[in-house]
Amino acid sequence: MEVIGRRLKVSIRGGVSNTEDFSSYAFSLEGENAGGIENLYYQLAYRDQDEGNADTGGERERGYQAYLFVLKSWKLFF
């Protein structure tokens, strides 16, 4: 990315995940009332990004994510 005067020029040269096919992907699974517990939400996710087709030095990237949270409503009294 270069700043030229007051304009911003962005160059896209490819890189990780720029494969033009299905060798890079991501998916997630999410739901609510997990384990029968009311208002317990979850998400599980995985990504696999191939190194791409450009000579940018990018390497294959993989990542995982998992979380749980409880959604509660609060009543505020003034």
PDB file of N, CA and C in Angstrom:
ATOM      1  N   MET A   1       0.849  -1.160   0.000  1.00  0.00           N
ATOM      2  CA  MET A   1       0.000   0.000   0.000  1.00  0.00           C
ATOM      3  C   MET A   1       0.902   1.232   0.000  1.00  0.00           C
ATOM      4  N   GLU A   2       0.582   2.167  -0.855  1.00  0.00           N
ATOM      5  CA  GLU A   2       1.362   3.389  -0.938  1.00  0.00           C
ATOM      6  C   GLU A   2       0.437   4.593  -0.818  1.00  0.00           C
ATOM      7  N   VAL A   3       0.935   5.635  -0.215  1.00  0.00           N
ATOM      8  CA  VAL A   3       0.193   6.883  -0.174  1.00  0.00           C
ATOM      9  C   VAL A   3       0.819   7.814  -1.186  1.00  0.00           C
ATOM     10  N   ILE A   4       0.022   8.256  -2.161  1.00  0.00           N
ATOM     11  CA  ILE A   4       0.507   9.127  -3.216  1.00  0.00           C
ATOM     12  C   ILE A   4      -0.263  10.434  -3.105  1.00  0.00           C
ATOM     13  N   GLY A   5       0.414  11.479  -2.661  1.00  0.00           N
ATOM     14  CA  GLY A   5      -0.281  12.741  -2.445  1.00  0.00           C
ATOM     15  C   GLY A   5      -1.370  12.536  -1.410  1.00  0.00           C
ATOM     16  N   ARG A   6      -2.599  12.847  -1.795  1.00  0.00           N
ATOM     17  CA  ARG A   6      -3.728  12.633  -0.885  1.00  0.00           C
ATOM     18  C   ARG A   6      -4.497  11.376  -1.238  1.00  0.00           C
ATOM     19  N   ARG A   7      -4.021  10.607  -2.186  1.00  0.00           N
ATOM     20  CA  ARG A   7      -4.715   9.403  -2.616  1.00  0.00           C
ATOM     21  C   ARG A   7      -4.005   8.166  -2.076  1.00  0.00           C
ATOM     22  N   LEU A   8      -4.766   7.145  -1.888  1.00  0.00           N
ATOM     23  CA  LEU A   8      -4.226   5.878  -1.401  1.00  0.00           C
ATOM     24  C   LEU A   8      -4.250   4.883  -2.544  1.00  0.00           C
ATOM     25  N   LYS A   9      -3.112   4.308  -2.865  1.00  0.00           N
ATOM     26  CA  LYS A   9      -3.031   3.320  -3.929  1.00  0.00           C
ATOM     27  C   LYS A   9      -2.839   1.951  -3.287  1.00  0.00           C
ATOM     28  N   VAL A  10      -3.699   1.010  -3.643  1.00  0.00           N
ATOM     29  CA  VAL A  10      -3.622  -0.337  -3.099  1.00  0.00           C
ATOM     30  C   VAL A  10      -3.261  -1.283  -4.225  1.00  0.00           C
ATOM     31  N   SER A  11      -2.222  -2.063  -4.031  1.00  0.00           N
ATOM     32  CA  SER A  11      -1.823  -3.058  -5.013  1.00  0.00           C
ATOM     33  C   SER A  11      -2.134  -4.441  -4.477  1.00  0.00           C
ATOM     34  N   ILE A  12      -2.814  -5.225  -5.276  1.00  0.00           N
ATOM     35  CA  ILE A  12      -3.126  -6.592  -4.882  1.00  0.00           C
ATOM     36  C   ILE A  12      -2.291  -7.519  -5.746  1.00  0.00           C
ATOM     37  N   ARG A  13      -1.441  -8.273  -5.116  1.00  0.00           N
ATOM     38  CA  ARG A  13      -0.548  -9.167  -5.831  1.00  0.00           C
ATOM     39  C   ARG A  13      -0.806 -10.629  -5.491  1.00  0.00           C
ATOM     40  N   GLY A  14      -1.923 -10.900  -4.872  1.00  0.00           N
ATOM     41  CA  GLY A  14      -2.185 -12.275  -4.463  1.00  0.00           C
ATOM     42  C   GLY A  14      -1.681 -12.509  -3.063  1.00  0.00           C
ATOM     43  N   GLY A  15      -1.397 -13.732  -2.751  1.00  0.00           N
ATOM     44  CA  GLY A  15      -0.923 -14.088  -1.423  1.00  0.00           C
ATOM     45  C   GLY A  15      -1.697 -15.262  -0.884  1.00  0.00           C
ATOM     46  N   VAL A  16      -1.686 -15.408   0.408  1.00  0.00           N
ATOM     47  CA  VAL A  16      -2.360 -16.531   1.034  1.00  0.00           C
ATOM     48  C   VAL A  16      -3.814 -16.565   0.609  1.00  0.00           C
ATOM     49  N   SER A  17      -4.282 -17.732   0.251  1.00  0.00           N
ATOM     50  CA  SER A  17      -5.671 -18.009  -0.109  1.00  0.00           C
ATOM     51  C   SER A  17      -6.039 -17.559  -1.514  1.00  0.00           C
ATOM     52  N   ASN A  18      -5.153 -16.948  -2.262  1.00  0.00           N
ATOM     53  CA  ASN A  18      -5.453 -16.523  -3.628  1.00  0.00           C
ATOM     54  C   ASN A  18      -5.148 -17.679  -4.574  1.00  0.00           C
ATOM     55  N   THR A  19      -5.997 -18.718  -4.553  1.00  0.00           N
ATOM     56  CA  THR A  19      -5.712 -19.950  -5.281  1.00  0.00           C
ATOM     57  C   THR A  19      -6.602 -20.180  -6.483  1.00  0.00           C
ATOM     58  N   GLU A  20      -7.708 -19.446  -6.584  1.00  0.00           N
ATOM     59  CA  GLU A  20      -8.663 -19.594  -7.674  1.00  0.00           C
ATOM     60  C   GLU A  20      -9.268 -21.001  -7.743  1.00  0.00           C
ATOM     61  N   ASP A  21      -9.241 -21.733  -6.637  1.00  0.00           N
ATOM     62  CA  ASP A  21      -9.886 -23.045  -6.570  1.00  0.00           C
ATOM     63  C   ASP A  21     -10.332 -23.292  -5.134  1.00  0.00           C
ATOM     64  N   PHE A  22     -10.695 -24.520  -4.808  1.00  0.00           N
ATOM     65  CA  PHE A  22     -11.234 -24.808  -3.482  1.00  0.00           C
ATOM     66  C   PHE A  22     -10.174 -25.370  -2.518  1.00  0.00           C
ATOM     67  N   SER A  23      -8.912 -25.037  -2.715  1.00  0.00           N
ATOM     68  CA  SER A  23      -7.876 -25.514  -1.795  1.00  0.00           C
ATOM     69  C   SER A  23      -7.805 -24.658  -0.533  1.00  0.00           C
ATOM     70  N   SER A  24      -8.526 -23.549  -0.498  1.00  0.00           N
ATOM     71  CA  SER A  24      -8.640 -22.720   0.700  1.00  0.00           C
ATOM     72  C   SER A  24     -10.106 -22.700   1.113  1.00  0.00           C
ATOM     73  N   TYR A  25     -10.341 -22.886   2.409  1.00  0.00           N
ATOM     74  CA  TYR A  25     -11.723 -22.927   2.861  1.00  0.00           C
ATOM     75  C   TYR A  25     -11.812 -22.583   4.342  1.00  0.00           C
ATOM     76  N   ALA A  26     -13.021 -22.301   4.767  1.00  0.00           N
ATOM     77  CA  ALA A  26     -13.315 -22.053   6.178  1.00  0.00           C
ATOM     78  C   ALA A  26     -14.734 -22.536   6.433  1.00  0.00           C
ATOM     79  N   PHE A  27     -14.967 -23.059   7.630  1.00  0.00           N
ATOM     80  CA  PHE A  27     -16.321 -23.437   7.988  1.00  0.00           C
ATOM     81  C   PHE A  27     -16.514 -23.247   9.479  1.00  0.00           C
ATOM     82  N   SER A  28     -17.771 -23.122   9.888  1.00  0.00           N
ATOM     83  CA  SER A  28     -18.073 -22.977  11.311  1.00  0.00           C
ATOM     84  C   SER A  28     -19.385 -23.682  11.610  1.00  0.00           C
ATOM     85  N   LEU A  29     -19.499 -24.075  12.853  1.00  0.00           N
ATOM     86  CA  LEU A  29     -20.700 -24.713  13.368  1.00  0.00           C
ATOM     87  C   LEU A  29     -21.087 -23.944  14.612  1.00  0.00           C
ATOM     88  N   GLU A  30     -22.324 -23.474  14.652  1.00  0.00           N
ATOM     89  CA  GLU A  30     -22.752 -22.727  15.828  1.00  0.00           C
ATOM     90  C   GLU A  30     -24.162 -23.148  16.197  1.00  0.00           C
ATOM     91  N   GLY A  31     -24.487 -22.960  17.457  1.00  0.00           N
ATOM     92  CA  GLY A  31     -25.804 -23.338  17.926  1.00  0.00           C
ATOM     93  C   GLY A  31     -26.111 -22.741  19.280  1.00  0.00           C
ATOM     94  N   GLU A  32     -27.303 -23.051  19.759  1.00  0.00           N
ATOM     95  CA  GLU A  32     -27.738 -22.511  21.039  1.00  0.00           C
ATOM     96  C   GLU A  32     -28.331 -23.629  21.886  1.00  0.00           C
ATOM     97  N   ASN A  33     -28.494 -23.333  23.166  1.00  0.00           N
ATOM     98  CA  ASN A  33     -28.995 -24.299  24.148  1.00  0.00           C
ATOM     99  C   ASN A  33     -28.154 -25.573  24.135  1.00  0.00           C
ATOM    100  N   ALA A  34     -26.849 -25.384  24.108  1.00  0.00           N
ATOM    101  CA  ALA A  34     -25.904 -26.499  24.058  1.00  0.00           C
ATOM    102  C   ALA A  34     -26.034 -27.367  25.303  1.00  0.00           C
ATOM    103  N   GLY A  35     -26.055 -28.657  25.098  1.00  0.00           N
ATOM    104  CA  GLY A  35     -26.138 -29.588  26.218  1.00  0.00           C
ATOM    105  C   GLY A  35     -27.435 -29.454  26.994  1.00  0.00           C
ATOM    106  N   GLY A  36     -28.447 -28.873  26.372  1.00  0.00           N
ATOM    107  CA  GLY A  36     -29.719 -28.683  27.048  1.00  0.00           C
ATOM    108  C   GLY A  36     -29.736 -27.529  28.038  1.00  0.00           C
ATOM    109  N   ILE A  37     -28.684 -26.713  28.022  1.00  0.00           N
ATOM    110  CA  ILE A  37     -28.606 -25.563  28.934  1.00  0.00           C
ATOM    111  C   ILE A  37     -29.154 -24.340  28.215  1.00  0.00           C
ATOM    112  N   GLU A  38     -30.229 -23.788  28.766  1.00  0.00           N
ATOM    113  CA  GLU A  38     -30.895 -22.652  28.138  1.00  0.00           C
ATOM    114  C   GLU A  38     -29.953 -21.459  28.042  1.00  0.00           C
ATOM    115  N   ASN A  39     -29.954 -20.800  26.882  1.00  0.00           N
ATOM    116  CA  ASN A  39     -29.162 -19.599  26.595  1.00  0.00           C
ATOM    117  C   ASN A  39     -27.657 -19.843  26.553  1.00  0.00           C
ATOM    118  N   LEU A  40     -27.215 -21.081  26.411  1.00  0.00           N
ATOM    119  CA  LEU A  40     -25.785 -21.377  26.239  1.00  0.00           C
ATOM    120  C   LEU A  40     -25.516 -21.532  24.746  1.00  0.00           C
ATOM    121  N   TYR A  41     -24.709 -20.636  24.208  1.00  0.00           N
ATOM    122  CA  TYR A  41     -24.400 -20.612  22.785  1.00  0.00           C
ATOM    123  C   TYR A  41     -22.955 -21.077  22.561  1.00  0.00           C
ATOM    124  N   TYR A  42     -22.704 -21.626  21.358  1.00  0.00           N
ATOM    125  CA  TYR A  42     -21.352 -22.087  21.040  1.00  0.00           C
ATOM    126  C   TYR A  42     -21.044 -21.829  19.571  1.00  0.00           C
ATOM    127  N   GLN A  43     -19.756 -21.801  19.271  1.00  0.00           N
ATOM    128  CA  GLN A  43     -19.286 -21.769  17.893  1.00  0.00           C
ATOM    129  C   GLN A  43     -17.966 -22.508  17.828  1.00  0.00           C
ATOM    130  N   LEU A  44     -17.840 -23.360  16.830  1.00  0.00           N
ATOM    131  CA  LEU A  44     -16.599 -24.055  16.512  1.00  0.00           C
ATOM    132  C   LEU A  44     -16.261 -23.701  15.070  1.00  0.00           C
ATOM    133  N   ALA A  45     -15.024 -23.340  14.809  1.00  0.00           N
ATOM    134  CA  ALA A  45     -14.648 -22.922  13.457  1.00  0.00           C
ATOM    135  C   ALA A  45     -13.249 -23.424  13.115  1.00  0.00           C
ATOM    136  N   TYR A  46     -13.017 -23.609  11.820  1.00  0.00           N
ATOM    137  CA  TYR A  46     -11.713 -24.032  11.305  1.00  0.00           C
ATOM    138  C   TYR A  46     -11.484 -23.344   9.968  1.00  0.00           C
ATOM    139  N   ARG A  47     -10.244 -22.950   9.720  1.00  0.00           N
ATOM    140  CA  ARG A  47      -9.885 -22.391   8.414  1.00  0.00           C
ATOM    141  C   ARG A  47      -8.589 -23.006   7.937  1.00  0.00           C
ATOM    142  N   ASP A  48      -8.484 -23.193   6.635  1.00  0.00           N
ATOM    143  CA  ASP A  48      -7.283 -23.723   5.999  1.00  0.00           C
ATOM    144  C   ASP A  48      -7.063 -22.912   4.729  1.00  0.00           C
ATOM    145  N   GLN A  49      -6.072 -22.051   4.743  1.00  0.00           N
ATOM    146  CA  GLN A  49      -5.794 -21.156   3.631  1.00  0.00           C
ATOM    147  C   GLN A  49      -4.499 -21.596   2.951  1.00  0.00           C
ATOM    148  N   ASP A  50      -4.600 -21.989   1.688  1.00  0.00           N
ATOM    149  CA  ASP A  50      -3.434 -22.431   0.932  1.00  0.00           C
ATOM    150  C   ASP A  50      -2.499 -21.253   0.682  1.00  0.00           C
ATOM    151  N   GLU A  51      -1.274 -21.535   0.304  1.00  0.00           N
ATOM    152  CA  GLU A  51      -0.270 -20.474   0.164  1.00  0.00           C
ATOM    153  C   GLU A  51      -0.540 -19.518  -0.991  1.00  0.00           C
ATOM    154  N   GLY A  52      -1.381 -19.872  -1.911  1.00  0.00           N
ATOM    155  CA  GLY A  52      -1.729 -18.965  -2.998  1.00  0.00           C
ATOM    156  C   GLY A  52      -0.856 -19.141  -4.212  1.00  0.00           C
ATOM    157  N   ASN A  53      -1.158 -18.366  -5.250  1.00  0.00           N
ATOM    158  CA  ASN A  53      -0.455 -18.527  -6.524  1.00  0.00           C
ATOM    159  C   ASN A  53       0.465 -17.362  -6.862  1.00  0.00           C
ATOM    160  N   ALA A  54       0.737 -16.506  -5.914  1.00  0.00           N
ATOM    161  CA  ALA A  54       1.624 -15.363  -6.164  1.00  0.00           C
ATOM    162  C   ALA A  54       2.913 -15.535  -5.372  1.00  0.00           C
ATOM    163  N   ASP A  55       3.950 -14.914  -5.841  1.00  0.00           N
ATOM    164  CA  ASP A  55       5.247 -15.007  -5.175  1.00  0.00           C
ATOM    165  C   ASP A  55       5.359 -13.907  -4.115  1.00  0.00           C
ATOM    166  N   THR A  56       4.585 -14.041  -3.047  1.00  0.00           N
ATOM    167  CA  THR A  56       4.596 -13.041  -1.987  1.00  0.00           C
ATOM    168  C   THR A  56       5.177 -13.586  -0.692  1.00  0.00           C
ATOM    169  N   GLY A  57       5.630 -14.819  -0.726  1.00  0.00           N
ATOM    170  CA  GLY A  57       6.215 -15.411   0.477  1.00  0.00           C
ATOM    171  C   GLY A  57       5.177 -15.918   1.463  1.00  0.00           C
ATOM    172  N   GLY A  58       3.924 -15.966   1.060  1.00  0.00           N
ATOM    173  CA  GLY A  58       2.876 -16.457   1.948  1.00  0.00           C
ATOM    174  C   GLY A  58       2.988 -17.957   2.156  1.00  0.00           C
ATOM    175  N   GLU A  59       2.654 -18.381   3.339  1.00  0.00           N
ATOM    176  CA  GLU A  59       2.672 -19.805   3.650  1.00  0.00           C
ATOM    177  C   GLU A  59       1.259 -20.254   3.981  1.00  0.00           C
ATOM    178  N   ARG A  60       1.034 -21.552   3.944  1.00  0.00           N
ATOM    179  CA  ARG A  60      -0.264 -22.106   4.299  1.00  0.00           C
ATOM    180  C   ARG A  60      -0.618 -21.711   5.730  1.00  0.00           C
ATOM    181  N   GLU A  61      -1.849 -21.291   5.945  1.00  0.00           N
ATOM    182  CA  GLU A  61      -2.306 -20.886   7.276  1.00  0.00           C
ATOM    183  C   GLU A  61      -3.477 -21.761   7.694  1.00  0.00           C
ATOM    184  N   ARG A  62      -3.454 -22.181   8.947  1.00  0.00           N
ATOM    185  CA  ARG A  62      -4.563 -22.941   9.515  1.00  0.00           C
ATOM    186  C   ARG A  62      -4.926 -22.324  10.854  1.00  0.00           C
ATOM    187  N   GLY A  63      -6.191 -22.360  11.183  1.00  0.00           N
ATOM    188  CA  GLY A  63      -6.600 -21.796  12.461  1.00  0.00           C
ATOM    189  C   GLY A  63      -7.869 -22.449  12.976  1.00  0.00           C
ATOM    190  N   TYR A  64      -8.005 -22.439  14.295  1.00  0.00           N
ATOM    191  CA  TYR A  64      -9.163 -23.004  14.968  1.00  0.00           C
ATOM    192  C   TYR A  64      -9.772 -21.947  15.873  1.00  0.00           C
ATOM    193  N   GLN A  65     -11.053 -22.094  16.140  1.00  0.00           N
ATOM    194  CA  GLN A  65     -11.717 -21.199  17.077  1.00  0.00           C
ATOM    195  C   GLN A  65     -12.816 -21.985  17.769  1.00  0.00           C
ATOM    196  N   ALA A  66     -12.962 -21.751  19.054  1.00  0.00           N
ATOM    197  CA  ALA A  66     -14.056 -22.357  19.812  1.00  0.00           C
ATOM    198  C   ALA A  66     -14.448 -21.396  20.926  1.00  0.00           C
ATOM    199  N   TYR A  67     -15.745 -21.212  21.108  1.00  0.00           N
ATOM    200  CA  TYR A  67     -16.170 -20.397  22.236  1.00  0.00           C
ATOM    201  C   TYR A  67     -17.550 -20.810  22.700  1.00  0.00           C
ATOM    202  N   LEU A  68     -17.797 -20.510  23.959  1.00  0.00           N
ATOM    203  CA  LEU A  68     -19.088 -20.685  24.606  1.00  0.00           C
ATOM    204  C   LEU A  68     -19.457 -19.372  25.271  1.00  0.00           C
ATOM    205  N   PHE A  69     -20.720 -19.036  25.267  1.00  0.00           N
ATOM    206  CA  PHE A  69     -21.143 -17.886  26.046  1.00  0.00           C
ATOM    207  C   PHE A  69     -22.595 -18.050  26.447  1.00  0.00           C
ATOM    208  N   VAL A  70     -22.952 -17.388  27.524  1.00  0.00           N
ATOM    209  CA  VAL A  70     -24.315 -17.401  28.036  1.00  0.00           C
ATOM    210  C   VAL A  70     -24.930 -16.047  27.766  1.00  0.00           C
ATOM    211  N   LEU A  71     -26.107 -16.056  27.197  1.00  0.00           N
ATOM    212  CA  LEU A  71     -26.811 -14.818  26.908  1.00  0.00           C
ATOM    213  C   LEU A  71     -27.893 -14.622  27.959  1.00  0.00           C
ATOM    214  N   LYS A  72     -27.758 -13.559  28.714  1.00  0.00           N
ATOM    215  CA  LYS A  72     -28.736 -13.247  29.761  1.00  0.00           C
ATOM    216  C   LYS A  72     -29.300 -11.864  29.512  1.00  0.00           C
ATOM    217  N   SER A  73     -30.537 -11.694  29.864  1.00  0.00           N
ATOM    218  CA  SER A  73     -31.116 -10.357  29.789  1.00  0.00           C
ATOM    219  C   SER A  73     -31.077  -9.752  31.185  1.00  0.00           C
ATOM    220  N   TRP A  74     -30.774  -8.491  31.224  1.00  0.00           N
ATOM    221  CA  TRP A  74     -30.653  -7.778  32.489  1.00  0.00           C
ATOM    222  C   TRP A  74     -31.738  -6.720  32.563  1.00  0.00           C
ATOM    223  N   LYS A  75     -32.332  -6.588  33.699  1.00  0.00           N
ATOM    224  CA  LYS A  75     -33.316  -5.533  33.896  1.00  0.00           C
ATOM    225  C   LYS A  75     -32.658  -4.439  34.732  1.00  0.00           C
ATOM    226  N   LEU A  76     -32.698  -3.258  34.220  1.00  0.00           N
ATOM    227  CA  LEU A  76     -32.118  -2.126  34.923  1.00  0.00           C
ATOM    228  C   LEU A  76     -33.240  -1.308  35.552  1.00  0.00           C
ATOM    229  N   PHE A  77     -33.056  -0.969  36.796  1.00  0.00           N
ATOM    230  CA  PHE A  77     -34.056  -0.179  37.503  1.00  0.00           C
ATOM    231  C   PHE A  77     -33.480   1.205  37.801  1.00  0.00           C
ATOM    232  N   PHE A  78     -34.197   2.215  37.476  1.00  0.00           N
ATOM    233  CA  PHE A  78     -33.725   3.570  37.727  1.00  0.00           C
ATOM    234  C   PHE A  78     -34.615   4.247  38.730  1.00  0.00           C
TER     235      PHE A  78
END
